[in-house]
Amino acid sequence: MVLYVYLEREDGSQVAMSSIADAAGFVNSHARGTSFLRFIDPYGRTVFNRKQCEALREEWRILESRTPRLQAWTKEVATLIERCANELHLYLRFEGD
């Protein structure tokens, strides 16, 4: 199972993408007790807007520190979250398969 993370424009066109295998385990083990990470559905679609990404990035920073073996991927996604939080008309979509 793979979790894809897309940075998209309002029209749905992709700006950037990142992915990770074994997403269900990753999401389930690190999202408990969070405000935003817990809503990422490893089997469906979850979309965050600019304001939500402002809060998500704080939780993602904590996640990065707890998952050193996934550092390359978490840094890629952190970049996407940061862009979404700072640029207009962008959305961050998590999509599981």
Protein backbone atom coordinates (compact mmCIF):
# COMPACT_ATOMS: atom_id res chain seq x y z
CA MET A 1 0.00 0.00 0.00
CA VAL A 2 1.28 3.44 -0.93
CA LEU A 3 0.38 6.87 0.39
CA TYR A 4 0.70 9.63 -2.20
CA VAL A 5 0.97 13.30 -1.26
CA TYR A 6 0.11 15.85 -3.92
CA LEU A 7 0.46 19.61 -3.95
CA GLU A 8 -2.32 20.83 -6.25
CA ARG A 9 -3.79 23.99 -7.67
CA GLU A 10 -7.48 24.81 -7.35
CA ASP A 11 -8.21 23.18 -10.69
CA GLY A 12 -6.69 19.89 -9.48
CA SER A 13 -3.53 20.10 -11.56
CA GLN A 14 -0.46 18.78 -9.77
CA VAL A 15 2.42 21.00 -8.74
CA ALA A 16 4.46 18.31 -6.94
CA MET A 17 4.14 14.78 -5.55
CA SER A 18 5.75 12.46 -3.02
CA SER A 19 4.91 8.92 -1.91
CA ILE A 20 5.70 6.29 0.72
CA ALA A 21 5.04 2.55 0.94
CA ASP A 22 3.37 0.91 3.97
CA ALA A 23 1.35 4.03 4.65
CA ALA A 24 -1.31 2.41 6.83
CA GLY A 25 1.22 1.49 9.48
CA PHE A 26 2.89 4.86 9.30
CA VAL A 27 -0.32 6.87 9.63
CA ASN A 28 -1.90 4.68 12.29
CA SER A 29 1.16 4.59 14.52
CA HIS A 30 1.94 8.31 14.46
CA ALA A 31 -1.41 10.08 14.24
CA ARG A 32 -3.03 9.29 17.58
CA GLY A 33 -3.70 12.35 19.70
CA THR A 34 -3.04 14.82 16.89
CA SER A 35 -5.40 17.46 15.57
CA PHE A 36 -4.68 17.12 11.85
CA LEU A 37 -2.54 14.05 11.17
CA ARG A 38 -5.25 11.79 12.57
CA PHE A 39 -7.54 12.77 9.70
CA ILE A 40 -5.22 11.40 7.01
CA ASP A 41 -7.03 8.37 5.60
CA PRO A 42 -4.46 5.82 4.37
CA TYR A 43 -7.18 4.15 2.26
CA GLY A 44 -8.86 7.24 0.79
CA ARG A 45 -8.41 10.94 0.07
CA THR A 46 -7.73 13.73 2.55
CA VAL A 47 -7.33 17.34 1.44
CA PHE A 48 -5.88 20.23 3.46
CA ASN A 49 -6.20 23.89 2.54
CA ARG A 50 -3.76 26.73 3.22
CA LYS A 51 -4.99 27.52 6.74
CA GLN A 52 -5.08 23.85 7.73
CA CYS A 53 -1.52 23.41 6.46
CA GLU A 54 -0.37 26.19 8.76
CA ALA A 55 -1.36 23.96 11.70
CA LEU A 56 -0.42 20.67 10.02
CA ARG A 57 3.19 21.77 9.61
CA GLU A 58 3.64 21.97 13.40
CA GLU A 59 2.44 18.40 13.84
CA TRP A 60 4.56 17.29 10.88
CA ARG A 61 7.71 18.73 12.49
CA ILE A 62 7.06 16.58 15.55
CA LEU A 63 6.46 13.59 13.31
CA GLU A 64 9.77 14.20 11.53
CA SER A 65 11.67 14.04 14.81
CA ARG A 66 9.99 10.73 15.69
CA THR A 67 10.63 8.98 12.37
CA PRO A 68 14.34 9.25 11.54
CA ARG A 69 14.26 6.25 9.17
CA LEU A 70 11.74 8.13 7.01
CA GLN A 71 13.62 11.42 7.11
CA ALA A 72 13.98 11.84 3.35
CA TRP A 73 10.25 11.37 2.76
CA THR A 74 9.08 13.45 5.73
CA LYS A 75 11.30 16.32 4.59
CA GLU A 76 9.83 16.15 1.07
CA VAL A 77 6.32 16.34 2.48
CA ALA A 78 7.32 19.13 4.89
CA THR A 79 8.35 21.16 1.84
CA LEU A 80 4.95 20.55 0.24
CA ILE A 81 3.16 21.50 3.47
CA GLU A 82 5.20 24.69 3.73
CA ARG A 83 4.41 25.70 0.17
CA CYS A 84 0.72 25.03 0.69
CA ALA A 85 0.73 27.10 3.89
CA ASN A 86 2.50 30.05 2.26
CA GLU A 87 1.17 30.18 -1.30
CA LEU A 88 -2.33 31.07 -2.41
CA HIS A 89 -4.69 28.68 -4.21
CA LEU A 90 -2.81 25.48 -3.36
CA TYR A 91 -4.08 22.35 -1.63
CA LEU A 92 -2.33 19.34 -0.14
CA ARG A 93 -3.95 15.99 -0.92
CA PHE A 94 -3.06 12.69 0.74
CA GLU A 95 -4.32 9.69 -1.20
CA GLY A 96 -4.01 6.05 -0.24
CA ASP A 97 -4.52 3.13 -2.55
